Amino acid sequence: MASAHWLKASNILLAAVRVAAVLAAALAGIGDAAQARYLEPSEVNLVRILAPPPAPQSAAGKADIAAVLAAQAARTDADVKAAQADDATSVFRFADVMGAGFKPESLPFAAGFFNDVGADLNRAIGPAKDRYNRPRPIVEDARVEPVVKAANASYPSGTATFAYGTAILLADMVPEKAAAIFARADAYAHNRVVAGVHYPTDVEAGRISAAVIDYVLLHDAAFMADFAKARAELRHAVGLQ
């Protein structure tokens, strides 16, 4: 009898474990589906678009590391602080060119919109990062002294992709400030080289990636509906109609 009860209890426990596993898989699937807000990574194949990063011992590779070391030698305390501040991937890094009204509390919808765009940009470059798996400058040359932490592969730069991807959309929303927005994106992206965590070619690949990804987004109806809402809120917040 005890053996029968034990077997019955074991079967119940096994069934419960199987149900839990099925539910966990289902929930994980829901989470994965919810990850992409506007763009599935498969919609943009950057591996087919981006040139491979230069080999370390090639002329281009040596020029890349030389540029990182030159930026390091030239950086001031103010440059270090700016690079550390720009380590954040936030649309509000553009506040210095967008105006006083460009702040989270004034832009509840736009803030969420740009967070979603940033997440989609980051996912879209993932396959290219995995494919090229380029080591960070500190791995290639012990003379490099980074001032921020950075994980995963170096090419293309995720922060540069975010900077330019965000700038393209901001400039489309507020063309009156387009020149200043793109200048800010250049500084934002270049600060990855100043910080010692990216090569110039990583940054350039991020710029190309951003343009390709945004081109796809700007042809998506769901994205454009939210873009219009974010644009109206943003222009009102900065005093433009």
C-alpha atoms as a PDB file:
ATOM      1  CA  MET A   1       0.000   0.000   0.000  1.00  0.00           C
ATOM      2  CA  ALA A   2       2.793   2.396   0.953  1.00  0.00           C
ATOM      3  CA  SER A   3       4.485   1.603  -2.346  1.00  0.00           C
ATOM      4  CA  ALA A   4       1.267   2.313  -4.264  1.00  0.00           C
ATOM      5  CA  HIS A   5       0.764   5.616  -2.454  1.00  0.00           C
ATOM      6  CA  TRP A   6       4.379   6.578  -3.155  1.00  0.00           C
ATOM      7  CA  LEU A   7       3.943   5.748  -6.864  1.00  0.00           C
ATOM      8  CA  LYS A   8       0.725   7.761  -7.046  1.00  0.00           C
ATOM      9  CA  ALA A   9       2.383  10.740  -5.350  1.00  0.00           C
ATOM     10  CA  SER A  10       5.344  10.505  -7.688  1.00  0.00           C
ATOM     11  CA  ASN A  11       3.070  10.490 -10.731  1.00  0.00           C
ATOM     12  CA  ILE A  12       1.213  13.555  -9.431  1.00  0.00           C
ATOM     13  CA  LEU A  13       4.511  15.337  -8.778  1.00  0.00           C
ATOM     14  CA  LEU A  14       5.805  14.445 -12.254  1.00  0.00           C
ATOM     15  CA  ALA A  15       2.623  15.728 -13.855  1.00  0.00           C
ATOM     16  CA  ALA A  16       2.882  18.956 -11.895  1.00  0.00           C
ATOM     17  CA  VAL A  17       6.476  19.410 -13.025  1.00  0.00           C
ATOM     18  CA  ARG A  18       5.456  18.838 -16.643  1.00  0.00           C
ATOM     19  CA  VAL A  19       2.614  21.368 -16.374  1.00  0.00           C
ATOM     20  CA  ALA A  20       4.960  23.895 -14.796  1.00  0.00           C
ATOM     21  CA  ALA A  21       7.462  23.359 -17.589  1.00  0.00           C
ATOM     22  CA  VAL A  22       4.794  23.861 -20.241  1.00  0.00           C
ATOM     23  CA  LEU A  23       3.563  27.029 -18.544  1.00  0.00           C
ATOM     24  CA  ALA A  24       7.109  28.347 -18.194  1.00  0.00           C
ATOM     25  CA  ALA A  25       7.765  27.715 -21.871  1.00  0.00           C
ATOM     26  CA  ALA A  26       4.523  29.406 -22.825  1.00  0.00           C
ATOM     27  CA  LEU A  27       5.314  32.416 -20.672  1.00  0.00           C
ATOM     28  CA  ALA A  28       8.817  32.590 -22.093  1.00  0.00           C
ATOM     29  CA  GLY A  29       7.348  32.553 -25.573  1.00  0.00           C
ATOM     30  CA  ILE A  30       5.048  35.406 -24.653  1.00  0.00           C
ATOM     31  CA  GLY A  31       7.999  37.326 -23.260  1.00  0.00           C
ATOM     32  CA  ASP A  32      10.041  36.727 -26.419  1.00  0.00           C
ATOM     33  CA  ALA A  33       7.163  37.846 -28.604  1.00  0.00           C
ATOM     34  CA  ALA A  34       6.749  40.986 -26.534  1.00  0.00           C
ATOM     35  CA  GLN A  35      10.414  41.861 -26.713  1.00  0.00           C
ATOM     36  CA  ALA A  36      10.287  43.400 -30.176  1.00  0.00           C
ATOM     37  CA  ARG A  37       8.063  46.492 -30.111  1.00  0.00           C
ATOM     38  CA  TYR A  38       8.285  47.546 -33.728  1.00  0.00           C
ATOM     39  CA  LEU A  39      11.011  45.524 -35.409  1.00  0.00           C
ATOM     40  CA  GLU A  40      11.957  41.869 -35.379  1.00  0.00           C
ATOM     41  CA  PRO A  41      15.743  41.406 -35.696  1.00  0.00           C
ATOM     42  CA  SER A  42      15.147  39.198 -38.761  1.00  0.00           C
ATOM     43  CA  GLU A  43      13.698  42.191 -40.635  1.00  0.00           C
ATOM     44  CA  VAL A  44      17.143  43.812 -40.882  1.00  0.00           C
ATOM     45  CA  ASN A  45      20.069  41.549 -41.764  1.00  0.00           C
ATOM     46  CA  LEU A  46      23.035  43.753 -40.918  1.00  0.00           C
ATOM     47  CA  VAL A  47      25.481  40.903 -41.501  1.00  0.00           C
ATOM     48  CA  ARG A  48      24.673  41.227 -45.217  1.00  0.00           C
ATOM     49  CA  ILE A  49      25.068  45.010 -45.141  1.00  0.00           C
ATOM     50  CA  LEU A  50      28.054  45.803 -42.939  1.00  0.00           C
ATOM     51  CA  ALA A  51      31.611  45.218 -44.070  1.00  0.00           C
ATOM     52  CA  PRO A  52      33.579  43.051 -41.644  1.00  0.00           C
ATOM     53  CA  PRO A  53      35.657  45.005 -39.130  1.00  0.00           C
ATOM     54  CA  PRO A  54      39.342  45.360 -40.043  1.00  0.00           C
ATOM     55  CA  ALA A  55      41.719  42.651 -38.925  1.00  0.00           C
ATOM     56  CA  PRO A  56      43.915  43.772 -35.994  1.00  0.00           C
ATOM     57  CA  GLN A  57      47.191  43.584 -37.932  1.00  0.00           C
ATOM     58  CA  SER A  58      45.858  45.168 -41.111  1.00  0.00           C
ATOM     59  CA  ALA A  59      46.595  48.809 -41.935  1.00  0.00           C
ATOM     60  CA  ALA A  60      42.996  49.711 -41.119  1.00  0.00           C
ATOM     61  CA  GLY A  61      43.136  47.759 -37.865  1.00  0.00           C
ATOM     62  CA  LYS A  62      46.329  49.523 -36.807  1.00  0.00           C
ATOM     63  CA  ALA A  63      44.780  52.882 -37.697  1.00  0.00           C
ATOM     64  CA  ASP A  64      41.761  51.995 -35.554  1.00  0.00           C
ATOM     65  CA  ILE A  65      43.787  51.289 -32.417  1.00  0.00           C
ATOM     66  CA  ALA A  66      45.982  54.326 -33.086  1.00  0.00           C
ATOM     67  CA  ALA A  67      42.851  56.500 -33.136  1.00  0.00           C
ATOM     68  CA  VAL A  68      41.722  55.073 -29.788  1.00  0.00           C
ATOM     69  CA  LEU A  69      45.122  55.746 -28.235  1.00  0.00           C
ATOM     70  CA  ALA A  70      45.219  59.258 -29.715  1.00  0.00           C
ATOM     71  CA  ALA A  71      41.796  60.055 -28.260  1.00  0.00           C
ATOM     72  CA  GLN A  72      42.960  58.700 -24.914  1.00  0.00           C
ATOM     73  CA  ALA A  73      46.100  60.849 -24.951  1.00  0.00           C
ATOM     74  CA  ALA A  74      44.142  63.974 -25.835  1.00  0.00           C
ATOM     75  CA  ARG A  75      41.196  63.577 -23.470  1.00  0.00           C
ATOM     76  CA  THR A  76      40.792  66.031 -20.612  1.00  0.00           C
ATOM     77  CA  ASP A  77      38.955  65.568 -17.329  1.00  0.00           C
ATOM     78  CA  ALA A  78      35.977  67.254 -18.953  1.00  0.00           C
ATOM     79  CA  ASP A  79      36.171  64.827 -21.889  1.00  0.00           C
ATOM     80  CA  VAL A  80      36.206  61.888 -19.484  1.00  0.00           C
ATOM     81  CA  LYS A  81      33.142  63.194 -17.657  1.00  0.00           C
ATOM     82  CA  ALA A  82      31.308  63.751 -20.945  1.00  0.00           C
ATOM     83  CA  ALA A  83      32.176  60.250 -22.162  1.00  0.00           C
ATOM     84  CA  GLN A  84      31.028  58.738 -18.882  1.00  0.00           C
ATOM     85  CA  ALA A  85      27.759  60.678 -19.023  1.00  0.00           C
ATOM     86  CA  ASP A  86      27.203  59.518 -22.607  1.00  0.00           C
ATOM     87  CA  ASP A  87      27.616  55.908 -21.508  1.00  0.00           C
ATOM     88  CA  ALA A  88      23.855  56.049 -20.872  1.00  0.00           C
ATOM     89  CA  THR A  89      21.608  55.137 -23.799  1.00  0.00           C
ATOM     90  CA  SER A  90      18.836  57.656 -23.278  1.00  0.00           C
ATOM     91  CA  VAL A  91      17.076  60.049 -25.603  1.00  0.00           C
ATOM     92  CA  PHE A  92      17.486  62.653 -22.878  1.00  0.00           C
ATOM     93  CA  ARG A  93      21.203  62.814 -23.631  1.00  0.00           C
ATOM     94  CA  PHE A  94      19.974  65.163 -26.381  1.00  0.00           C
ATOM     95  CA  ALA A  95      18.435  67.575 -23.856  1.00  0.00           C
ATOM     96  CA  ASP A  96      21.271  70.060 -24.276  1.00  0.00           C
ATOM     97  CA  VAL A  97      20.206  70.722 -27.880  1.00  0.00           C
ATOM     98  CA  MET A  98      16.460  70.101 -27.587  1.00  0.00           C
ATOM     99  CA  GLY A  99      15.628  72.769 -25.024  1.00  0.00           C
ATOM    100  CA  ALA A 100      14.287  73.170 -21.499  1.00  0.00           C
ATOM    101  CA  GLY A 101      11.011  71.325 -22.146  1.00  0.00           C
ATOM    102  CA  PHE A 102      12.817  68.168 -23.231  1.00  0.00           C
ATOM    103  CA  LYS A 103      12.524  66.172 -20.007  1.00  0.00           C
ATOM    104  CA  PRO A 104      10.851  62.900 -18.979  1.00  0.00           C
ATOM    105  CA  GLU A 105       8.007  64.463 -17.027  1.00  0.00           C
ATOM    106  CA  SER A 106       6.994  66.515 -20.073  1.00  0.00           C
ATOM    107  CA  LEU A 107       7.256  63.591 -22.483  1.00  0.00           C
ATOM    108  CA  PRO A 108       5.599  60.511 -20.975  1.00  0.00           C
ATOM    109  CA  PHE A 109       4.623  58.989 -24.324  1.00  0.00           C
ATOM    110  CA  ALA A 110       7.749  60.017 -26.234  1.00  0.00           C
ATOM    111  CA  ALA A 111      10.005  58.725 -23.462  1.00  0.00           C
ATOM    112  CA  GLY A 112       8.436  55.271 -23.694  1.00  0.00           C
ATOM    113  CA  PHE A 113       8.493  55.426 -27.479  1.00  0.00           C
ATOM    114  CA  PHE A 114      12.232  56.111 -27.584  1.00  0.00           C
ATOM    115  CA  ASN A 115      12.893  53.418 -24.968  1.00  0.00           C
ATOM    116  CA  ASP A 116      11.116  50.914 -27.228  1.00  0.00           C
ATOM    117  CA  VAL A 117      13.020  52.134 -30.274  1.00  0.00           C
ATOM    118  CA  GLY A 118      16.296  51.827 -28.378  1.00  0.00           C
ATOM    119  CA  ALA A 119      15.506  48.251 -27.391  1.00  0.00           C
ATOM    120  CA  ASP A 120      14.662  47.367 -31.001  1.00  0.00           C
ATOM    121  CA  LEU A 121      17.867  49.004 -32.256  1.00  0.00           C
ATOM    122  CA  ASN A 122      19.891  46.997 -29.751  1.00  0.00           C
ATOM    123  CA  ARG A 123      18.248  43.722 -30.719  1.00  0.00           C
ATOM    124  CA  ALA A 124      18.698  44.421 -34.426  1.00  0.00           C
ATOM    125  CA  ILE A 125      22.488  44.739 -34.128  1.00  0.00           C
ATOM    126  CA  GLY A 126      22.792  41.606 -31.983  1.00  0.00           C
ATOM    127  CA  PRO A 127      23.315  39.143 -34.862  1.00  0.00           C
ATOM    128  CA  ALA A 128      26.082  41.329 -36.346  1.00  0.00           C
ATOM    129  CA  LYS A 129      27.814  41.585 -32.969  1.00  0.00           C
ATOM    130  CA  ASP A 130      27.603  37.813 -32.631  1.00  0.00           C
ATOM    131  CA  ARG A 131      28.798  37.190 -36.182  1.00  0.00           C
ATOM    132  CA  TYR A 132      31.892  39.401 -36.013  1.00  0.00           C
ATOM    133  CA  ASN A 133      32.568  39.020 -32.272  1.00  0.00           C
ATOM    134  CA  ARG A 134      35.160  41.785 -32.369  1.00  0.00           C
ATOM    135  CA  PRO A 135      37.155  42.170 -29.128  1.00  0.00           C
ATOM    136  CA  ARG A 136      37.149  45.539 -27.393  1.00  0.00           C
ATOM    137  CA  PRO A 137      40.206  47.790 -27.766  1.00  0.00           C
ATOM    138  CA  ILE A 138      41.510  46.891 -24.282  1.00  0.00           C
ATOM    139  CA  VAL A 139      41.720  43.252 -25.387  1.00  0.00           C
ATOM    140  CA  GLU A 140      43.815  44.158 -28.433  1.00  0.00           C
ATOM    141  CA  ASP A 141      46.149  46.650 -26.741  1.00  0.00           C
ATOM    142  CA  ALA A 142      46.997  46.802 -23.033  1.00  0.00           C
ATOM    143  CA  ARG A 143      47.796  50.516 -23.354  1.00  0.00           C
ATOM    144  CA  VAL A 144      44.091  51.305 -23.685  1.00  0.00           C
ATOM    145  CA  GLU A 145      42.592  52.686 -20.463  1.00  0.00           C
ATOM    146  CA  PRO A 146      38.789  52.653 -20.685  1.00  0.00           C
ATOM    147  CA  VAL A 147      36.835  54.997 -18.423  1.00  0.00           C
ATOM    148  CA  VAL A 148      33.538  53.088 -18.650  1.00  0.00           C
ATOM    149  CA  LYS A 149      32.640  49.415 -18.551  1.00  0.00           C
ATOM    150  CA  ALA A 150      31.540  47.603 -21.692  1.00  0.00           C
ATOM    151  CA  ALA A 151      30.347  44.070 -22.282  1.00  0.00           C
ATOM    152  CA  ASN A 152      29.952  41.812 -25.332  1.00  0.00           C
ATOM    153  CA  ALA A 153      31.442  42.411 -28.769  1.00  0.00           C
ATOM    154  CA  SER A 154      32.624  45.741 -30.119  1.00  0.00           C
ATOM    155  CA  TYR A 155      31.285  45.847 -33.695  1.00  0.00           C
ATOM    156  CA  PRO A 156      28.986  47.597 -34.431  1.00  0.00           C
ATOM    157  CA  SER A 157      28.763  50.012 -31.509  1.00  0.00           C
ATOM    158  CA  GLY A 158      25.396  49.732 -29.801  1.00  0.00           C
ATOM    159  CA  THR A 159      25.643  53.184 -28.264  1.00  0.00           C
ATOM    160  CA  ALA A 160      26.549  54.752 -31.620  1.00  0.00           C
ATOM    161  CA  THR A 161      23.623  52.916 -33.209  1.00  0.00           C
ATOM    162  CA  PHE A 162      21.355  54.351 -30.527  1.00  0.00           C
ATOM    163  CA  ALA A 163      22.816  57.857 -30.885  1.00  0.00           C
ATOM    164  CA  TYR A 164      22.327  58.012 -34.636  1.00  0.00           C
ATOM    165  CA  GLY A 165      19.062  56.060 -34.651  1.00  0.00           C
ATOM    166  CA  THR A 166      17.617  58.476 -32.125  1.00  0.00           C
ATOM    167  CA  ALA A 167      19.041  61.512 -33.914  1.00  0.00           C
ATOM    168  CA  ILE A 168      17.431  60.539 -37.220  1.00  0.00           C
ATOM    169  CA  LEU A 169      14.020  60.366 -35.565  1.00  0.00           C
ATOM    170  CA  LEU A 170      14.477  63.519 -33.485  1.00  0.00           C
ATOM    171  CA  ALA A 171      15.607  65.482 -36.539  1.00  0.00           C
ATOM    172  CA  ASP A 172      12.549  64.248 -38.444  1.00  0.00           C
ATOM    173  CA  MET A 173      10.315  65.374 -35.582  1.00  0.00           C
ATOM    174  CA  VAL A 174      12.074  68.708 -35.102  1.00  0.00           C
ATOM    175  CA  PRO A 175      13.763  69.636 -38.392  1.00  0.00           C
ATOM    176  CA  GLU A 176      14.354  73.138 -37.018  1.00  0.00           C
ATOM    177  CA  LYS A 177      17.076  71.617 -34.813  1.00  0.00           C
ATOM    178  CA  ALA A 178      18.367  68.965 -37.237  1.00  0.00           C
ATOM    179  CA  ALA A 179      21.925  70.302 -37.542  1.00  0.00           C
ATOM    180  CA  ALA A 180      22.377  70.544 -33.770  1.00  0.00           C
ATOM    181  CA  ILE A 181      20.798  67.108 -33.242  1.00  0.00           C
ATOM    182  CA  PHE A 182      23.172  65.393 -35.659  1.00  0.00           C
ATOM    183  CA  ALA A 183      26.163  67.248 -34.230  1.00  0.00           C
ATOM    184  CA  ARG A 184      25.159  65.987 -30.800  1.00  0.00           C
ATOM    185  CA  ALA A 185      24.862  62.451 -32.179  1.00  0.00           C
ATOM    186  CA  ASP A 186      28.397  62.720 -33.585  1.00  0.00           C
ATOM    187  CA  ALA A 187      29.731  63.715 -30.164  1.00  0.00           C
ATOM    188  CA  TYR A 188      27.633  61.051 -28.418  1.00  0.00           C
ATOM    189  CA  ALA A 189      29.005  58.343 -30.715  1.00  0.00           C
ATOM    190  CA  HIS A 190      32.604  59.603 -30.726  1.00  0.00           C
ATOM    191  CA  ASN A 191      32.614  59.524 -26.938  1.00  0.00           C
ATOM    192  CA  ARG A 192      32.749  55.743 -27.225  1.00  0.00           C
ATOM    193  CA  VAL A 193      36.211  56.129 -28.751  1.00  0.00           C
ATOM    194  CA  VAL A 194      37.144  58.744 -26.134  1.00  0.00           C
ATOM    195  CA  ALA A 195      35.998  56.323 -23.442  1.00  0.00           C
ATOM    196  CA  GLY A 196      38.302  53.642 -24.848  1.00  0.00           C
ATOM    197  CA  VAL A 197      35.616  51.031 -25.471  1.00  0.00           C
ATOM    198  CA  HIS A 198      35.131  51.307 -29.244  1.00  0.00           C
ATOM    199  CA  TYR A 199      37.104  51.789 -32.426  1.00  0.00           C
ATOM    200  CA  PRO A 200      36.141  54.459 -34.972  1.00  0.00           C
ATOM    201  CA  THR A 201      35.025  51.715 -37.366  1.00  0.00           C
ATOM    202  CA  ASP A 202      32.647  50.393 -34.664  1.00  0.00           C
ATOM    203  CA  VAL A 203      31.096  53.855 -34.499  1.00  0.00           C
ATOM    204  CA  GLU A 204      30.812  54.132 -38.281  1.00  0.00           C
ATOM    205  CA  ALA A 205      29.143  50.721 -38.421  1.00  0.00           C
ATOM    206  CA  GLY A 206      26.707  51.960 -35.771  1.00  0.00           C
ATOM    207  CA  ARG A 207      25.877  54.986 -37.922  1.00  0.00           C
ATOM    208  CA  ILE A 208      25.192  52.776 -40.948  1.00  0.00           C
ATOM    209  CA  SER A 209      23.162  50.328 -38.854  1.00  0.00           C
ATOM    210  CA  ALA A 210      21.022  53.132 -37.446  1.00  0.00           C
ATOM    211  CA  ALA A 211      20.209  54.475 -40.896  1.00  0.00           C
ATOM    212  CA  VAL A 212      19.229  51.047 -42.211  1.00  0.00           C
ATOM    213  CA  ILE A 213      17.096  50.194 -39.174  1.00  0.00           C
ATOM    214  CA  ASP A 214      15.342  53.569 -39.114  1.00  0.00           C
ATOM    215  CA  TYR A 215      14.589  53.299 -42.827  1.00  0.00           C
ATOM    216  CA  VAL A 216      12.682  50.082 -42.121  1.00  0.00           C
ATOM    217  CA  LEU A 217      10.930  51.562 -39.096  1.00  0.00           C
ATOM    218  CA  LEU A 218       9.826  54.661 -41.011  1.00  0.00           C
ATOM    219  CA  HIS A 219       7.998  52.403 -43.468  1.00  0.00           C
ATOM    220  CA  ASP A 220       6.036  50.547 -40.778  1.00  0.00           C
ATOM    221  CA  ALA A 221       2.457  51.697 -40.172  1.00  0.00           C
ATOM    222  CA  ALA A 222       2.342  50.833 -36.457  1.00  0.00           C
ATOM    223  CA  PHE A 223       5.626  52.584 -35.859  1.00  0.00           C
ATOM    224  CA  MET A 224       4.535  55.675 -37.767  1.00  0.00           C
ATOM    225  CA  ALA A 225       1.332  55.948 -35.725  1.00  0.00           C
ATOM    226  CA  ASP A 226       3.342  56.096 -32.498  1.00  0.00           C
ATOM    227  CA  PHE A 227       5.947  58.314 -34.146  1.00  0.00           C
ATOM    228  CA  ALA A 228       3.228  60.865 -34.912  1.00  0.00           C
ATOM    229  CA  LYS A 229       2.019  60.843 -31.291  1.00  0.00           C
ATOM    230  CA  ALA A 230       5.557  61.192 -29.943  1.00  0.00           C
ATOM    231  CA  ARG A 231       6.286  63.984 -32.424  1.00  0.00           C
ATOM    232  CA  ALA A 232       3.223  66.001 -31.424  1.00  0.00           C
ATOM    233  CA  GLU A 233       4.018  65.639 -27.716  1.00  0.00           C
ATOM    234  CA  LEU A 234       7.682  66.502 -28.222  1.00  0.00           C
ATOM    235  CA  ARG A 235       7.054  69.587 -30.352  1.00  0.00           C
ATOM    236  CA  HIS A 236       4.560  70.895 -27.829  1.00  0.00           C
ATOM    237  CA  ALA A 237       7.004  70.272 -24.963  1.00  0.00           C
ATOM    238  CA  VAL A 238       9.789  72.275 -26.636  1.00  0.00           C
ATOM    239  CA  GLY A 239       7.460  75.107 -27.645  1.00  0.00           C
ATOM    240  CA  LEU A 240       6.997  74.283 -31.328  1.00  0.00           C
ATOM    241  CA  GLN A 241       3.755  73.710 -33.178  1.00  0.00           C
END
